């Protein structure tokens, strides 16, 4: 079922440095900061609530799965954006010299399900994917 009026999701994830997370999510990604404490920070990620929780010594143990000739990091999280917002975010990340795990590119170009995607890591090694579809109705297509 595709829902057009999607309510915000919430995800909490570990980080090993709250100040580095504050800089990355706040300044690099442009997320507004919400409530915080000495142990966690809320961020507004394109209308969704993400919470970075401090975990001493946390090291991401990213696994990868092969997809279209790329090693996709798992687990990962992110947001499906409009094509224009996706392009703007890719440009912003490049200006901030973010190192991509998978550079921004278009999958299935000219085909059903055409989508833009990119993968990168936060300072604690958490993987993020942002994508956009030429036709958002293809998001859950088989």
N, C-alpha and C. Protein backbone atom coordinates (compact mmCIF):
# COMPACT_ATOMS: atom_id res chain seq x y z
N UNK A 1 0.85 -1.19 0.00
CA UNK A 1 0.00 0.00 0.00
C UNK A 1 0.88 1.23 0.00
N UNK A 2 0.64 2.14 -0.92
CA UNK A 2 1.37 3.40 -0.98
C UNK A 2 0.54 4.46 -0.28
N UNK A 3 1.13 5.14 0.67
CA UNK A 3 0.43 6.17 1.43
C UNK A 3 0.97 7.53 1.01
N UNK A 4 0.10 8.42 0.56
CA UNK A 4 0.58 9.72 0.08
C UNK A 4 0.84 10.69 1.23
N UNK A 5 0.11 10.56 2.32
CA UNK A 5 0.32 11.44 3.47
C UNK A 5 1.07 10.66 4.54
N UNK A 6 2.34 10.45 4.30
CA UNK A 6 3.17 9.63 5.19
C UNK A 6 3.47 10.41 6.45
N UNK A 7 3.33 9.75 7.58
CA UNK A 7 3.71 10.38 8.84
C UNK A 7 5.20 10.17 9.04
N UNK A 8 5.84 11.00 9.84
CA UNK A 8 7.29 10.88 10.04
C UNK A 8 7.68 9.56 10.70
N UNK A 9 8.81 9.02 10.28
CA UNK A 9 9.34 7.85 10.96
C UNK A 9 10.30 8.32 12.04
N UNK A 10 10.67 7.41 12.93
CA UNK A 10 11.61 7.68 14.01
C UNK A 10 12.65 6.57 14.00
N UNK A 11 13.91 6.94 14.09
CA UNK A 11 14.97 5.95 14.22
C UNK A 11 16.00 6.48 15.20
N UNK A 12 16.46 5.62 16.08
CA UNK A 12 17.54 5.95 17.01
C UNK A 12 18.72 5.07 16.64
N UNK A 13 19.91 5.64 16.65
CA UNK A 13 21.10 4.92 16.22
C UNK A 13 22.29 5.35 17.06
N UNK A 14 23.29 4.49 17.20
CA UNK A 14 24.45 4.80 18.05
C UNK A 14 25.49 5.64 17.31
N UNK A 15 26.15 6.49 18.06
CA UNK A 15 27.30 7.25 17.56
C UNK A 15 28.38 7.24 18.64
N UNK A 16 29.63 7.36 18.23
CA UNK A 16 30.71 7.36 19.21
C UNK A 16 31.19 8.75 19.58
N UNK A 17 30.61 9.79 18.96
CA UNK A 17 31.01 11.17 19.23
C UNK A 17 29.81 12.08 18.94
N UNK A 18 29.17 12.58 19.98
CA UNK A 18 27.98 13.42 19.78
C UNK A 18 28.29 14.73 19.08
N UNK A 19 29.44 15.33 19.36
CA UNK A 19 29.77 16.60 18.70
C UNK A 19 30.02 16.40 17.22
N UNK A 20 30.69 15.30 16.86
CA UNK A 20 30.89 15.00 15.44
C UNK A 20 29.54 14.75 14.76
N UNK A 21 28.63 14.06 15.46
CA UNK A 21 27.28 13.83 14.92
C UNK A 21 26.55 15.16 14.77
N UNK A 22 26.66 16.03 15.74
CA UNK A 22 26.01 17.35 15.68
C UNK A 22 26.50 18.12 14.46
N UNK A 23 27.79 18.09 14.23
CA UNK A 23 28.36 18.81 13.07
C UNK A 23 27.90 18.17 11.77
N UNK A 24 27.99 16.84 11.68
CA UNK A 24 27.64 16.15 10.44
C UNK A 24 26.16 16.30 10.11
N UNK A 25 25.29 15.94 11.05
CA UNK A 25 23.86 15.99 10.76
C UNK A 25 23.35 17.43 10.70
N UNK A 26 23.89 18.29 11.56
CA UNK A 26 23.43 19.67 11.58
C UNK A 26 24.00 20.53 10.46
N UNK A 27 25.30 20.53 10.31
CA UNK A 27 25.95 21.43 9.33
C UNK A 27 26.07 20.80 7.95
N UNK A 28 26.51 19.56 7.87
CA UNK A 28 26.72 18.94 6.56
C UNK A 28 25.39 18.57 5.91
N UNK A 29 24.53 17.84 6.63
CA UNK A 29 23.23 17.46 6.07
C UNK A 29 22.17 18.56 6.19
N UNK A 30 22.38 19.52 7.08
CA UNK A 30 21.43 20.62 7.23
C UNK A 30 20.21 20.28 8.05
N UNK A 31 20.32 19.30 8.94
CA UNK A 31 19.19 18.91 9.79
C UNK A 31 19.05 19.86 10.97
N UNK A 32 17.85 20.35 11.20
CA UNK A 32 17.61 21.17 12.39
C UNK A 32 17.72 20.28 13.62
N UNK A 33 18.31 20.83 14.66
CA UNK A 33 18.45 20.07 15.91
C UNK A 33 17.23 20.31 16.78
N UNK A 34 16.76 19.26 17.40
CA UNK A 34 15.65 19.34 18.33
C UNK A 34 16.17 19.24 19.75
N UNK A 35 15.47 18.47 20.56
CA UNK A 35 15.89 18.28 21.95
C UNK A 35 17.21 17.52 21.99
N UNK A 36 17.91 17.70 23.11
CA UNK A 36 19.16 16.95 23.27
C UNK A 36 19.49 16.84 24.76
N UNK A 37 20.44 15.97 25.04
CA UNK A 37 20.97 15.82 26.38
C UNK A 37 22.46 15.52 26.23
N UNK A 38 23.09 15.13 27.29
CA UNK A 38 24.50 14.75 27.20
C UNK A 38 24.66 13.38 26.55
N UNK A 39 23.57 12.66 26.34
CA UNK A 39 23.61 11.30 25.80
C UNK A 39 22.97 11.14 24.42
N UNK A 40 22.20 12.12 23.95
CA UNK A 40 21.50 11.98 22.67
C UNK A 40 21.15 13.34 22.08
N UNK A 41 20.90 13.34 20.77
CA UNK A 41 20.48 14.55 20.04
C UNK A 41 19.40 14.15 19.04
N UNK A 42 18.27 14.87 19.06
CA UNK A 42 17.23 14.73 18.04
C UNK A 42 17.58 15.60 16.85
N UNK A 43 17.34 15.08 15.64
CA UNK A 43 17.50 15.86 14.42
C UNK A 43 16.27 15.70 13.55
N UNK A 44 15.97 16.73 12.76
CA UNK A 44 14.89 16.70 11.79
C UNK A 44 15.52 16.38 10.43
N UNK A 45 15.37 15.15 9.98
CA UNK A 45 15.91 14.71 8.71
C UNK A 45 14.78 14.70 7.68
N UNK A 46 14.62 15.83 6.98
CA UNK A 46 13.58 15.97 5.97
C UNK A 46 12.22 15.61 6.53
N UNK A 47 11.92 16.08 7.75
CA UNK A 47 10.62 15.87 8.38
C UNK A 47 10.51 14.61 9.22
N UNK A 48 11.59 13.84 9.31
CA UNK A 48 11.59 12.62 10.10
C UNK A 48 12.50 12.80 11.31
N UNK A 49 12.17 12.13 12.38
CA UNK A 49 12.94 12.27 13.63
C UNK A 49 14.00 11.18 13.71
N UNK A 50 15.26 11.62 13.69
CA UNK A 50 16.36 10.69 13.92
C UNK A 50 17.05 11.11 15.21
N UNK A 51 17.53 10.14 15.96
CA UNK A 51 18.13 10.43 17.26
C UNK A 51 19.49 9.73 17.34
N UNK A 52 20.53 10.54 17.47
CA UNK A 52 21.88 10.01 17.65
C UNK A 52 22.09 9.80 19.14
N UNK A 53 22.35 8.55 19.53
CA UNK A 53 22.58 8.21 20.93
C UNK A 53 24.06 7.89 21.13
N UNK A 54 24.68 8.53 22.10
CA UNK A 54 26.09 8.28 22.39
C UNK A 54 26.29 6.87 22.93
N UNK A 55 27.24 6.17 22.35
CA UNK A 55 27.64 4.85 22.83
C UNK A 55 29.16 4.82 22.83
N UNK A 56 29.74 4.82 23.99
CA UNK A 56 31.19 4.82 24.12
C UNK A 56 31.82 3.66 23.36
N UNK A 57 32.80 3.96 22.53
CA UNK A 57 33.52 2.94 21.80
C UNK A 57 32.77 2.31 20.64
N UNK A 58 31.60 2.87 20.28
CA UNK A 58 30.82 2.30 19.18
C UNK A 58 31.64 2.28 17.88
N UNK A 59 31.64 1.14 17.23
CA UNK A 59 32.25 1.00 15.90
C UNK A 59 31.22 0.30 15.03
N UNK A 60 30.86 0.94 13.94
CA UNK A 60 29.90 0.34 13.02
C UNK A 60 30.48 -0.94 12.42
N UNK A 61 29.65 -1.95 12.32
CA UNK A 61 30.07 -3.23 11.75
C UNK A 61 29.30 -3.45 10.45
N UNK A 62 29.50 -2.52 9.51
CA UNK A 62 28.74 -2.60 8.27
C UNK A 62 29.13 -3.81 7.43
N UNK A 63 28.12 -4.50 7.03
CA UNK A 63 28.22 -5.61 6.09
C UNK A 63 27.87 -5.02 4.72
N UNK A 64 28.20 -5.66 3.64
CA UNK A 64 27.77 -5.19 2.33
C UNK A 64 27.12 -6.33 1.56
N UNK A 65 26.19 -5.97 0.70
CA UNK A 65 25.56 -6.89 -0.23
C UNK A 65 25.78 -6.37 -1.64
N UNK A 66 26.08 -7.24 -2.59
CA UNK A 66 26.26 -6.77 -3.97
C UNK A 66 24.91 -6.42 -4.60
N UNK A 67 24.84 -5.19 -5.15
CA UNK A 67 23.64 -4.73 -5.86
C UNK A 67 24.12 -3.93 -7.06
N UNK A 68 23.74 -4.35 -8.24
CA UNK A 68 24.08 -3.65 -9.48
C UNK A 68 25.57 -3.32 -9.58
N UNK A 69 26.42 -4.23 -9.17
CA UNK A 69 27.85 -4.02 -9.28
C UNK A 69 28.46 -3.16 -8.19
N UNK A 70 27.68 -2.82 -7.18
CA UNK A 70 28.16 -2.02 -6.05
C UNK A 70 28.05 -2.85 -4.77
N UNK A 71 28.89 -2.54 -3.81
CA UNK A 71 28.80 -3.14 -2.49
C UNK A 71 27.98 -2.22 -1.60
N UNK A 72 26.73 -2.54 -1.42
CA UNK A 72 25.80 -1.71 -0.66
C UNK A 72 25.94 -2.01 0.83
N UNK A 73 26.23 -0.96 1.64
CA UNK A 73 26.37 -1.19 3.08
C UNK A 73 25.03 -1.51 3.74
N UNK A 74 25.08 -2.50 4.63
CA UNK A 74 23.89 -2.93 5.37
C UNK A 74 24.30 -3.08 6.82
N UNK A 75 23.58 -2.51 7.75
CA UNK A 75 22.34 -1.74 7.58
C UNK A 75 22.64 -0.33 7.07
N UNK A 76 21.57 0.32 6.61
CA UNK A 76 21.64 1.74 6.25
C UNK A 76 20.23 2.32 6.40
N UNK A 77 20.18 3.65 6.46
CA UNK A 77 18.89 4.34 6.51
C UNK A 77 19.01 5.62 5.72
N UNK A 78 17.89 6.21 5.40
CA UNK A 78 17.87 7.46 4.64
C UNK A 78 16.46 7.84 4.30
N UNK A 79 16.33 8.71 3.31
CA UNK A 79 15.03 9.24 2.94
C UNK A 79 14.91 9.24 1.42
N UNK A 80 13.71 8.96 0.92
CA UNK A 80 13.41 9.12 -0.49
C UNK A 80 13.02 10.58 -0.68
N UNK A 81 13.76 11.28 -1.52
CA UNK A 81 13.55 12.71 -1.75
C UNK A 81 12.97 12.95 -3.14
N UNK A 82 12.54 14.17 -3.38
CA UNK A 82 12.20 14.56 -4.74
C UNK A 82 13.51 14.59 -5.54
N UNK A 83 13.41 14.51 -6.85
CA UNK A 83 14.60 14.50 -7.70
C UNK A 83 15.42 15.77 -7.47
N UNK A 84 14.75 16.89 -7.39
CA UNK A 84 15.44 18.17 -7.19
C UNK A 84 16.15 18.22 -5.84
N UNK A 85 15.47 17.81 -4.77
CA UNK A 85 16.11 17.79 -3.45
C UNK A 85 17.28 16.83 -3.40
N UNK A 86 17.15 15.69 -4.08
CA UNK A 86 18.24 14.72 -4.13
C UNK A 86 19.48 15.35 -4.79
N UNK A 87 19.26 16.02 -5.91
CA UNK A 87 20.38 16.68 -6.61
C UNK A 87 21.01 17.76 -5.73
N UNK A 88 20.18 18.52 -5.03
CA UNK A 88 20.70 19.56 -4.14
C UNK A 88 21.50 18.95 -3.00
N UNK A 89 21.02 17.85 -2.43
CA UNK A 89 21.75 17.19 -1.35
C UNK A 89 23.07 16.63 -1.87
N UNK A 90 23.07 16.00 -3.03
CA UNK A 90 24.32 15.48 -3.60
C UNK A 90 25.34 16.61 -3.77
N UNK A 91 24.90 17.75 -4.27
CA UNK A 91 25.80 18.91 -4.43
C UNK A 91 26.30 19.40 -3.08
N UNK A 92 25.42 19.47 -2.10
CA UNK A 92 25.81 19.92 -0.76
C UNK A 92 26.87 18.99 -0.15
N UNK A 93 26.65 17.69 -0.28
CA UNK A 93 27.61 16.72 0.26
C UNK A 93 28.96 16.85 -0.43
N UNK A 94 28.95 17.05 -1.74
CA UNK A 94 30.21 17.24 -2.47
C UNK A 94 30.93 18.50 -2.00
N UNK A 95 30.18 19.57 -1.78
CA UNK A 95 30.80 20.83 -1.29
C UNK A 95 31.43 20.64 0.09
N UNK A 96 30.87 19.73 0.88
CA UNK A 96 31.41 19.44 2.21
C UNK A 96 32.45 18.31 2.18
N UNK A 97 32.84 17.91 0.98
CA UNK A 97 33.86 16.88 0.80
C UNK A 97 33.51 15.55 1.48
N UNK A 98 32.24 15.20 1.48
CA UNK A 98 31.82 13.91 2.02
C UNK A 98 32.33 12.83 1.07
N UNK A 99 32.93 11.80 1.64
CA UNK A 99 33.41 10.67 0.85
C UNK A 99 32.25 9.70 0.67
N UNK A 100 31.91 9.42 -0.56
CA UNK A 100 30.80 8.52 -0.85
C UNK A 100 31.27 7.07 -0.83
N UNK A 101 30.44 6.20 -0.28
CA UNK A 101 30.66 4.76 -0.39
C UNK A 101 30.25 4.35 -1.80
N UNK A 102 29.13 4.88 -2.26
CA UNK A 102 28.68 4.74 -3.64
C UNK A 102 28.32 6.14 -4.12
N UNK A 103 29.06 6.62 -5.12
CA UNK A 103 28.84 7.97 -5.65
C UNK A 103 27.42 8.12 -6.16
N UNK A 104 26.90 9.35 -6.15
CA UNK A 104 25.56 9.59 -6.69
C UNK A 104 25.48 9.11 -8.15
N UNK A 105 24.46 8.33 -8.44
CA UNK A 105 24.25 7.88 -9.82
C UNK A 105 22.78 7.52 -10.02
N UNK A 106 22.41 7.28 -11.27
CA UNK A 106 21.04 6.94 -11.63
C UNK A 106 21.00 5.46 -12.03
N UNK A 107 20.11 4.72 -11.38
CA UNK A 107 19.87 3.31 -11.69
C UNK A 107 18.66 3.20 -12.62
N UNK A 108 18.67 2.21 -13.47
CA UNK A 108 17.54 1.92 -14.37
C UNK A 108 17.19 3.13 -15.24
N UNK A 109 18.21 3.86 -15.66
CA UNK A 109 17.97 5.08 -16.44
C UNK A 109 17.12 4.79 -17.67
N UNK A 110 16.04 5.57 -17.83
CA UNK A 110 15.14 5.42 -18.95
C UNK A 110 14.19 4.24 -18.85
N UNK A 111 14.24 3.51 -17.74
CA UNK A 111 13.39 2.33 -17.55
C UNK A 111 12.37 2.58 -16.43
N UNK A 112 11.43 1.64 -16.31
CA UNK A 112 10.51 1.68 -15.18
C UNK A 112 11.35 1.56 -13.90
N UNK A 113 11.04 2.36 -12.91
CA UNK A 113 11.79 2.32 -11.65
C UNK A 113 13.04 3.18 -11.65
N UNK A 114 13.21 4.05 -12.65
CA UNK A 114 14.40 4.91 -12.71
C UNK A 114 14.54 5.65 -11.38
N UNK A 115 15.75 5.57 -10.81
CA UNK A 115 15.98 6.19 -9.51
C UNK A 115 17.42 6.66 -9.38
N UNK A 116 17.58 7.70 -8.61
CA UNK A 116 18.90 8.22 -8.28
C UNK A 116 19.21 7.75 -6.86
N UNK A 117 20.47 7.41 -6.61
CA UNK A 117 20.85 6.93 -5.29
C UNK A 117 22.27 7.34 -4.96
N UNK A 118 22.58 7.38 -3.68
CA UNK A 118 23.95 7.64 -3.19
C UNK A 118 24.05 7.09 -1.78
N UNK A 119 25.23 6.64 -1.43
CA UNK A 119 25.51 6.09 -0.10
C UNK A 119 26.74 6.78 0.47
N UNK A 120 26.71 7.05 1.77
CA UNK A 120 27.86 7.62 2.47
C UNK A 120 27.74 7.27 3.94
N UNK A 121 28.80 7.52 4.70
CA UNK A 121 28.85 7.18 6.12
C UNK A 121 28.87 8.45 6.96
N UNK A 122 28.27 8.39 8.15
CA UNK A 122 28.43 9.48 9.10
C UNK A 122 29.77 9.28 9.83
N UNK A 123 30.17 10.21 10.69
CA UNK A 123 31.47 10.08 11.35
C UNK A 123 31.64 8.83 12.21
N UNK A 124 30.54 8.20 12.62
CA UNK A 124 30.61 6.98 13.42
C UNK A 124 30.55 5.73 12.55
N UNK A 125 30.47 5.89 11.24
CA UNK A 125 30.43 4.75 10.32
C UNK A 125 29.04 4.25 10.00
N UNK A 126 27.99 4.94 10.46
CA UNK A 126 26.62 4.55 10.12
C UNK A 126 26.37 4.89 8.65
N UNK A 127 25.84 3.94 7.90
CA UNK A 127 25.60 4.13 6.47
C UNK A 127 24.24 4.78 6.22
N UNK A 128 24.24 5.73 5.29
CA UNK A 128 23.02 6.41 4.88
C UNK A 128 22.86 6.29 3.37
N UNK A 129 21.62 6.11 2.94
CA UNK A 129 21.29 6.14 1.52
C UNK A 129 20.18 7.14 1.30
N UNK A 130 20.36 7.97 0.29
CA UNK A 130 19.30 8.88 -0.13
C UNK A 130 19.01 8.57 -1.57
N UNK A 131 17.72 8.53 -1.90
CA UNK A 131 17.34 8.20 -3.27
C UNK A 131 16.18 9.06 -3.71
N UNK A 132 15.95 9.06 -5.01
CA UNK A 132 14.83 9.78 -5.62
C UNK A 132 14.36 8.95 -6.81
N UNK A 133 13.06 9.00 -7.07
CA UNK A 133 12.49 8.28 -8.20
C UNK A 133 11.96 9.28 -9.22
N UNK A 134 12.15 8.96 -10.51
CA UNK A 134 11.55 9.79 -11.56
C UNK A 134 10.03 9.77 -11.40
N UNK A 135 9.50 8.60 -11.03
CA UNK A 135 8.06 8.44 -10.79
C UNK A 135 7.90 7.80 -9.42
N UNK A 136 7.53 8.58 -8.43
CA UNK A 136 7.44 8.08 -7.05
C UNK A 136 6.50 6.89 -6.92
N UNK A 137 5.54 6.75 -7.84
CA UNK A 137 4.64 5.60 -7.78
C UNK A 137 5.38 4.28 -8.00
N UNK A 138 6.61 4.34 -8.47
CA UNK A 138 7.41 3.14 -8.69
C UNK A 138 8.13 2.68 -7.43
N UNK A 139 8.01 3.42 -6.34
CA UNK A 139 8.73 3.11 -5.11
C UNK A 139 8.53 1.67 -4.64
N UNK A 140 7.31 1.18 -4.72
CA UNK A 140 7.01 -0.18 -4.27
C UNK A 140 6.63 -1.12 -5.41
N UNK A 141 6.96 -0.74 -6.65
CA UNK A 141 6.63 -1.57 -7.81
C UNK A 141 7.40 -2.87 -7.77
N UNK A 142 6.82 -3.92 -8.29
CA UNK A 142 7.49 -5.23 -8.36
C UNK A 142 8.19 -5.37 -9.69
